Protein backbone atom coordinates (compact mmCIF):
# COMPACT_ATOMS: atom_id res chain seq x y z
CA MET A 1 125.77 113.20 111.81
CA GLN A 2 123.59 110.22 112.77
CA ALA A 3 119.80 110.35 112.95
CA ALA A 4 118.09 109.80 116.26
CA PRO A 5 116.59 106.35 116.61
CA LEU A 6 112.87 106.12 116.12
CA ALA A 7 110.75 105.43 119.14
CA ARG A 8 109.30 101.90 119.21
CA LEU A 9 105.59 101.91 118.45
CA PRO A 10 103.35 99.51 120.22
CA ARG A 11 102.66 96.42 118.10
CA ALA A 12 99.37 96.86 116.20
CA ARG A 13 96.79 94.18 116.80
CA TYR A 14 95.62 92.13 113.77
CA LYS A 15 92.17 93.27 112.74
CA PRO A 16 90.67 90.93 110.20
CA GLY A 17 88.51 92.41 107.45
CA MET A 18 84.82 92.66 107.58
CA ARG A 19 83.06 89.39 107.95
CA PHE A 20 81.00 88.11 104.97
CA SER A 21 77.96 87.76 107.17
CA ARG A 22 78.06 91.53 107.99
CA SER A 23 78.50 92.72 104.39
CA TYR A 24 75.60 94.35 102.47
CA ILE A 25 74.35 91.75 99.93
CA PRO A 26 70.66 92.28 99.20
CA THR A 27 69.49 89.01 97.47
CA LEU A 28 66.13 88.47 95.81
CA LYS A 29 64.17 85.22 95.77
CA GLU A 30 62.56 85.79 92.39
CA PRO A 31 64.18 87.15 89.24
CA PRO A 32 63.16 90.66 88.46
CA ALA A 33 60.59 91.13 85.70
CA GLU A 34 62.76 93.67 83.82
CA ALA A 35 65.73 91.14 83.59
CA GLN A 36 66.63 90.88 79.90
CA GLY A 37 68.46 87.59 80.17
CA VAL A 38 69.24 84.75 82.48
CA SER A 39 72.69 86.11 83.47
CA HIS A 40 71.20 89.55 84.01
CA GLY A 41 68.56 88.17 86.41
CA LEU A 42 71.22 86.10 88.25
CA LEU A 43 73.35 89.19 88.79
CA ILE A 44 70.54 91.14 90.30
CA ARG A 45 69.20 88.27 92.30
CA GLY A 46 72.63 87.38 93.68
CA GLY A 47 73.23 90.92 94.97
CA TYR A 48 76.03 91.88 92.54
CA MET A 49 74.33 94.93 91.01
CA ARG A 50 71.16 97.01 91.33
CA LYS A 51 69.22 98.99 88.76
CA LEU A 52 69.13 102.73 89.32
CA ALA A 53 67.34 103.94 86.23
CA ALA A 54 66.74 102.71 82.66
CA GLY A 55 69.98 101.28 81.52
CA ILE A 56 71.96 102.49 84.55
CA TYR A 57 73.20 99.97 87.12
CA SER A 58 75.35 100.30 90.14
CA PHE A 59 77.72 97.70 91.42
CA LEU A 60 77.08 96.56 95.02
CA PRO A 61 80.04 95.54 97.21
CA LEU A 62 80.05 91.91 96.03
CA GLY A 63 79.90 92.91 92.33
CA TRP A 64 82.59 95.58 92.79
CA ARG A 65 84.83 93.02 94.29
CA VAL A 66 84.41 90.65 91.37
CA LEU A 67 85.01 93.52 88.93
CA ALA A 68 88.23 94.48 90.79
CA LYS A 69 89.46 90.91 90.54
CA ILE A 70 88.69 90.73 86.81
CA GLU A 71 90.53 94.04 86.35
CA ASN A 72 93.56 92.66 88.16
CA ILE A 73 93.65 89.51 85.98
CA ILE A 74 93.50 91.58 82.80
CA ARG A 75 96.05 94.01 84.10
CA GLU A 76 98.53 91.15 84.87
CA GLU A 77 97.96 89.65 81.45
CA MET A 78 98.44 93.00 79.73
CA ASN A 79 101.68 93.66 81.70
CA ARG A 80 102.96 90.20 80.76
CA ALA A 81 102.34 91.02 77.13
CA GLY A 82 103.99 94.41 77.41
CA ALA A 83 100.79 96.28 76.66
CA LEU A 84 99.90 99.71 78.13
CA GLU A 85 96.79 100.52 80.09
CA LEU A 86 94.69 103.60 79.38
CA LEU A 87 91.49 105.15 80.71
CA MET A 88 88.84 106.31 78.20
CA PRO A 89 86.12 108.79 79.00
CA ALA A 90 82.67 107.37 79.98
CA ALA A 91 80.78 109.59 77.47
CA VAL A 92 82.00 109.62 73.90
CA PRO A 93 80.28 111.66 71.19
CA ALA A 94 78.50 109.47 68.59
CA ASP A 95 79.92 111.32 65.63
CA PRO A 96 83.29 113.03 66.30
CA ALA A 97 82.96 115.05 63.01
CA ALA A 98 79.62 116.45 64.06
CA ARG A 99 81.19 117.46 67.42
CA ARG A 100 83.94 119.41 65.70
CA ARG A 101 81.32 121.22 63.54
CA SER A 102 79.31 122.29 66.60
CA LEU A 103 82.34 123.74 68.30
CA ARG A 104 83.05 126.16 65.39
C-alpha cells in the first residue's frame, strides 16, 4: 500500500534574525564603582552582564551569546578528544562528610 502524497506547502519566506540595532544591549559610559577588576568593569560596561545582588550576575543577550559560542568550542574539542560531557549541580555542599552526618 502506498502512502498518499503530502500536499505542497507554500514556500516560507526568509526571515532574517533580529537586527543588532534592535537588540537589548545596555552599555555604560563609566566603569561601575563596584567593579573588582578591569575585565569585570569592561563586561558590565559593554552590556555582557548585569549585577543582580552581591556576587550574583546575570548574562544579558550579548553575554549569553558569547557564553554559548565558548561552550560550543569546548564541546567540539571534548568530542574530538573522546571525552564525555556532564552537568554538575550549581550548589555543592562545602563538606560532603558533614552533609552525610546531618542526614542521619
